[in-house]
Amino acid sequence: MARRPTAADGSKLERRKETRFPVTVPVEASWRGTDGVLMKEEAVARQVNVHGGLLEMAIYPDIGTRVMLTNFLSAETMEARVLATPNSREGVSQGIVVELVTPSETFWGVNLQMKKAGVELQRLEKSLRSQGIDLRLLKEFRDAVDYMQAIAGSVQQARERQTPSDEEGVESWLVGERIRRTMNLCLEVMTDFDGGRITKDTKGIGELQELLSQASQRLRTLHVPSVSGHVTRGVELDPQEAFPISRRRPQSRES
């Protein structure tokens, strides 16, 4: 079995042109066997980049074989060559490694693009941190990145199931995510208030008070038990009793 070359310290040398990202993309591979017979096999792309990737498949072609890949989700096709099989390279046990004849940013679909976007945002965060940006702005940036990654993960899970969108499930997730973000924002606003950064002259404070009042009235109609265990039925409660969560402080990751 061919082994990957090693550095002077014995570590494996990375021969990939670009980092691979974990995805789950169903594809079909077709190729001509040694006897000229057309072969077709379903596969799943597990680790990919714009140059190629690792495909899990039960039956596979020999090294050097040209294969035609079809992305089941987009119907896009792309020609590739087989670089490694389970019998040719250490670490390849359940499929083949292929290289796209023409590098593509789009062939593997939005899964790869979302993964790359997440990595780029992490790099940007490190750059911002190194430049001494205000920690409050850095936290806002991190929150936005976390939200994007949560949505990206949900989209990928839906694509992996390969079923029509579950409208009720998607709507429930979106509503729950809005509630979570609203709670976090309320905690931030209360922290600003306690810190003396909000006054009667703060821009938008009147509109916020009106919206919170309307939201509170609507929520009371649901008769939902409060955090303290009491059921709210249109009764005015002391703010600290109704919202004990206000005693907490927003959690932030270490810089």
Protein backbone atom coordinates (compact mmCIF):
# COMPACT_ATOMS: atom_id res chain seq x y z
CA MET A 1 0.00 0.00 0.00
CA ALA A 2 1.35 3.43 -0.91
CA ARG A 3 2.03 5.62 2.09
CA ARG A 4 1.74 9.34 2.38
CA PRO A 5 5.16 11.03 2.56
CA THR A 6 6.32 12.23 5.96
CA ALA A 7 8.23 15.23 7.21
CA ALA A 8 11.55 15.05 9.07
CA ASP A 9 9.71 14.80 12.41
CA GLY A 10 7.66 11.85 11.20
CA SER A 11 4.39 13.74 10.76
CA LYS A 12 2.26 13.20 7.67
CA LEU A 13 2.70 15.73 4.88
CA GLU A 14 -0.52 17.23 3.58
CA ARG A 15 -0.73 16.94 -0.19
CA ARG A 16 -4.15 18.50 -0.62
CA LYS A 17 -4.36 21.76 -2.49
CA GLU A 18 -6.98 23.05 -0.07
CA THR A 19 -8.62 22.05 3.21
CA ARG A 20 -11.52 19.63 2.89
CA PHE A 21 -14.82 20.30 4.60
CA PRO A 22 -17.22 17.67 6.00
CA VAL A 23 -20.46 17.49 4.02
CA THR A 24 -23.11 14.96 3.03
CA VAL A 25 -23.85 15.16 -0.67
CA PRO A 26 -25.43 12.22 -2.58
CA VAL A 27 -23.86 11.65 -6.00
CA GLU A 28 -23.79 9.07 -8.78
CA ALA A 29 -20.48 7.96 -10.29
CA SER A 30 -20.35 6.40 -13.75
CA TRP A 31 -17.31 5.04 -15.57
CA ARG A 32 -16.14 2.45 -18.09
CA GLY A 33 -14.72 -0.74 -16.64
CA THR A 34 -11.67 -2.55 -18.03
CA ASP A 35 -13.99 -4.54 -20.30
CA GLY A 36 -15.62 -1.38 -21.63
CA VAL A 37 -18.89 -1.95 -19.79
CA LEU A 38 -20.52 1.19 -18.38
CA MET A 39 -20.63 1.08 -14.58
CA LYS A 40 -22.84 3.20 -12.33
CA GLU A 41 -22.71 3.41 -8.56
CA GLU A 42 -24.36 5.63 -5.96
CA ALA A 43 -22.01 7.35 -3.56
CA VAL A 44 -21.98 9.98 -0.81
CA ALA A 45 -19.43 12.79 -0.72
CA ARG A 46 -18.16 13.17 2.84
CA GLN A 47 -15.13 15.48 2.68
CA VAL A 48 -14.76 17.91 -0.21
CA ASN A 49 -13.18 21.09 -1.52
CA VAL A 50 -13.19 22.88 -4.87
CA HIS A 51 -10.63 20.40 -6.23
CA GLY A 52 -12.30 17.11 -5.29
CA GLY A 53 -13.07 14.98 -2.28
CA LEU A 54 -13.68 11.66 -0.56
CA LEU A 55 -16.61 9.59 -1.81
CA GLU A 56 -18.07 6.67 0.14
CA MET A 57 -19.16 3.89 -2.22
CA ALA A 58 -19.36 0.09 -2.19
CA ILE A 59 -18.06 -0.58 -5.71
CA TYR A 60 -15.39 1.70 -7.10
CA PRO A 61 -13.18 2.15 -10.18
CA ASP A 62 -9.41 1.72 -10.34
CA ILE A 63 -6.89 4.51 -9.76
CA GLY A 64 -6.57 6.80 -12.75
CA THR A 65 -10.04 6.05 -14.06
CA ARG A 66 -12.05 8.99 -15.38
CA VAL A 67 -15.49 9.12 -13.78
CA MET A 68 -18.53 11.26 -14.40
CA LEU A 69 -20.09 12.54 -11.18
CA THR A 70 -23.71 13.67 -10.93
CA ASN A 71 -24.90 15.65 -7.93
CA PHE A 72 -28.34 14.22 -7.09
CA LEU A 73 -29.44 17.45 -5.37
CA SER A 74 -28.58 19.84 -8.20
CA ALA A 75 -28.34 17.45 -11.20
CA GLU A 76 -25.02 19.13 -12.04
CA THR A 77 -22.38 16.86 -13.60
CA MET A 78 -18.61 17.03 -13.39
CA GLU A 79 -15.75 14.89 -14.69
CA ALA A 80 -13.15 13.66 -12.21
CA ARG A 81 -10.24 11.26 -11.97
CA VAL A 82 -9.68 8.67 -9.25
CA LEU A 83 -6.60 9.44 -7.14
CA ALA A 84 -6.89 6.78 -4.44
CA THR A 85 -8.85 3.69 -3.43
CA PRO A 86 -8.95 1.59 -0.24
CA ASN A 87 -6.17 -0.59 -1.65
CA SER A 88 -3.85 2.25 -2.60
CA ARG A 89 -3.65 4.73 0.25
CA GLU A 90 -3.64 4.64 4.02
CA GLY A 91 -6.72 6.32 5.48
CA VAL A 92 -8.97 5.55 2.52
CA SER A 93 -11.10 2.64 3.74
CA GLN A 94 -14.68 3.11 2.57
CA GLY A 95 -14.50 4.77 -0.82
CA ILE A 96 -12.32 6.70 -3.22
CA VAL A 97 -10.56 10.03 -3.45
CA VAL A 98 -11.32 11.95 -6.62
CA GLU A 99 -9.96 15.11 -8.21
CA LEU A 100 -12.26 17.26 -10.32
CA VAL A 101 -10.84 17.79 -13.79
CA THR A 102 -12.03 21.39 -13.52
CA PRO A 103 -12.10 22.85 -9.98
CA SER A 104 -15.60 23.98 -9.05
CA GLU A 105 -16.95 26.26 -6.32
CA THR A 106 -20.52 25.12 -6.95
CA PHE A 107 -20.54 21.40 -7.78
CA TRP A 108 -20.83 20.19 -4.18
CA GLY A 109 -23.67 22.66 -3.58
CA VAL A 110 -24.41 25.08 -0.76
CA ASN A 111 -23.05 22.67 1.86
CA LEU A 112 -19.45 23.42 0.85
CA GLN A 113 -20.13 27.11 0.40
CA MET A 114 -21.61 27.40 3.90
CA LYS A 115 -18.67 25.54 5.43
CA LYS A 116 -16.19 27.82 3.67
CA ALA A 117 -18.12 30.92 4.72
CA GLY A 118 -17.97 29.77 8.35
CA VAL A 119 -14.20 29.30 8.18
CA GLU A 120 -13.72 32.71 6.57
CA LEU A 121 -15.81 34.35 9.30
CA GLN A 122 -13.70 32.66 11.97
CA ARG A 123 -10.56 33.99 10.30
CA LEU A 124 -12.09 37.45 10.19
CA GLU A 125 -12.89 37.22 13.90
CA LYS A 126 -9.27 36.38 14.69
CA SER A 127 -8.14 39.31 12.58
CA LEU A 128 -10.52 41.67 14.36
CA ARG A 129 -9.34 40.40 17.74
CA SER A 130 -5.70 40.90 16.82
CA GLN A 131 -6.43 44.52 15.88
CA GLY A 132 -7.80 45.27 19.32
CA ILE A 133 -11.39 45.90 18.30
CA ASP A 134 -13.84 46.85 21.06
CA LEU A 135 -14.94 43.64 22.81
CA ARG A 136 -18.59 44.70 22.63
CA LEU A 137 -18.40 44.90 18.84
CA LEU A 138 -16.56 41.60 18.75
CA LYS A 139 -19.36 39.94 20.71
CA GLU A 140 -21.96 41.31 18.29
CA PHE A 141 -19.94 39.84 15.45
CA ARG A 142 -19.70 36.47 17.20
CA ASP A 143 -23.45 36.40 17.82
CA ALA A 144 -24.11 37.04 14.13
CA VAL A 145 -21.70 34.25 13.16
CA ASP A 146 -23.34 31.82 15.60
CA TYR A 147 -26.76 32.60 14.13
CA MET A 148 -25.51 32.04 10.58
CA GLN A 149 -23.89 28.73 11.55
CA ALA A 150 -27.10 27.57 13.26
CA ILE A 151 -29.11 28.27 10.10
CA ALA A 152 -26.44 26.61 7.95
CA GLY A 153 -26.60 23.48 10.11
CA SER A 154 -30.39 23.36 9.82
CA VAL A 155 -30.21 23.72 6.02
CA GLN A 156 -27.65 20.94 5.77
CA GLN A 157 -29.74 18.58 7.91
CA ALA A 158 -32.77 19.20 5.68
CA ARG A 159 -30.69 18.46 2.58
CA GLU A 160 -29.24 15.30 4.10
CA ARG A 161 -32.74 13.91 4.70
CA GLN A 162 -33.46 14.42 1.00
CA THR A 163 -37.16 14.92 1.71
CA PRO A 164 -39.48 17.80 0.82
CA SER A 165 -39.22 20.67 3.28
CA ASP A 166 -41.19 20.14 6.46
CA GLU A 167 -42.94 23.51 6.55
CA GLU A 168 -44.30 23.03 10.05
CA GLY A 169 -40.92 21.91 11.38
CA VAL A 170 -39.07 24.76 9.68
CA GLU A 171 -41.55 27.32 10.95
CA SER A 172 -41.32 25.94 14.49
CA TRP A 173 -37.52 26.11 14.36
CA LEU A 174 -37.55 29.69 13.03
CA VAL A 175 -39.99 30.85 15.73
CA GLY A 176 -37.94 29.16 18.44
CA GLU A 177 -34.77 30.77 17.11
CA ARG A 178 -36.41 34.21 17.07
CA ILE A 179 -37.51 33.75 20.67
CA ARG A 180 -33.99 32.70 21.69
CA ARG A 181 -32.45 35.73 19.98
CA THR A 182 -35.07 38.05 21.47
CA MET A 183 -34.28 36.77 24.96
CA ASN A 184 -30.58 37.33 24.40
CA LEU A 185 -31.20 40.85 23.10
CA CYS A 186 -33.45 41.63 26.08
CA LEU A 187 -30.66 40.51 28.41
CA GLU A 188 -28.25 42.79 26.58
CA VAL A 189 -30.65 45.75 26.82
CA MET A 190 -31.22 45.15 30.55
CA THR A 191 -27.47 45.02 31.07
CA ASP A 192 -27.13 48.34 29.25
CA PHE A 193 -29.92 49.79 31.38
CA ASP A 194 -28.34 48.62 34.63
CA GLY A 195 -25.03 50.03 33.44
CA GLY A 196 -26.52 53.46 32.89
CA ARG A 197 -26.09 53.35 29.12
CA ILE A 198 -29.83 53.76 28.46
CA THR A 199 -31.71 56.95 29.37
CA LYS A 200 -35.00 58.56 28.39
CA ASP A 201 -33.14 60.29 25.56
CA THR A 202 -31.78 57.08 24.04
CA LYS A 203 -32.87 56.77 20.41
CA GLY A 204 -35.67 54.24 19.89
CA ILE A 205 -36.41 53.69 23.56
CA GLY A 206 -40.05 54.80 23.20
CA GLU A 207 -40.70 52.45 20.29
CA LEU A 208 -39.05 49.59 22.18
CA GLN A 209 -41.24 50.18 25.23
CA GLU A 210 -44.37 50.13 23.07
CA LEU A 211 -43.34 46.93 21.25
CA LEU A 212 -42.47 45.15 24.51
CA SER A 213 -45.86 46.15 25.93
CA GLN A 214 -47.67 44.76 22.87
CA ALA A 215 -45.61 41.55 22.95
CA SER A 216 -46.32 41.12 26.67
CA GLN A 217 -50.07 41.50 26.13
CA ARG A 218 -50.07 38.85 23.39
CA LEU A 219 -48.00 36.42 25.42
CA ARG A 220 -50.38 36.68 28.38
CA THR A 221 -53.18 35.24 26.24
CA LEU A 222 -51.27 31.94 26.04
CA HIS A 223 -51.47 31.38 29.83
CA VAL A 224 -47.85 30.21 29.81
CA PRO A 225 -46.21 29.38 33.17
CA SER A 226 -43.52 31.93 33.96
CA VAL A 227 -39.97 31.02 34.89
CA SER A 228 -40.93 31.30 38.57
CA GLY A 229 -43.66 28.66 38.11
CA HIS A 230 -46.70 30.95 38.20
CA VAL A 231 -49.19 31.03 35.34
CA THR A 232 -49.58 34.49 33.84
CA ARG A 233 -53.24 35.31 33.10
CA GLY A 234 -53.24 39.01 32.39
CA VAL A 235 -52.16 39.91 35.94
CA GLU A 236 -49.58 42.64 36.30
CA LEU A 237 -46.51 41.21 38.03
CA ASP A 238 -43.52 42.91 39.52
CA PRO A 239 -40.87 42.97 36.74
CA GLN A 240 -38.29 41.24 38.91
CA GLU A 241 -40.77 38.54 39.85
CA ALA A 242 -42.10 38.05 36.34
CA PHE A 243 -38.67 38.03 34.75
CA PRO A 244 -36.17 36.53 37.22
CA ILE A 245 -33.90 35.93 34.23
CA SER A 246 -33.07 39.64 34.39
CA ARG A 247 -30.81 38.87 37.32
CA ARG A 248 -28.50 37.02 34.97
CA ARG A 249 -25.91 38.49 32.68
CA PRO A 250 -25.34 37.58 29.05
CA GLN A 251 -22.69 34.96 28.65
CA SER A 252 -19.82 35.72 26.35
CA ARG A 253 -17.02 33.58 25.08
CA GLU A 254 -13.49 34.30 26.13
CA SER A 255 -11.51 36.42 23.76
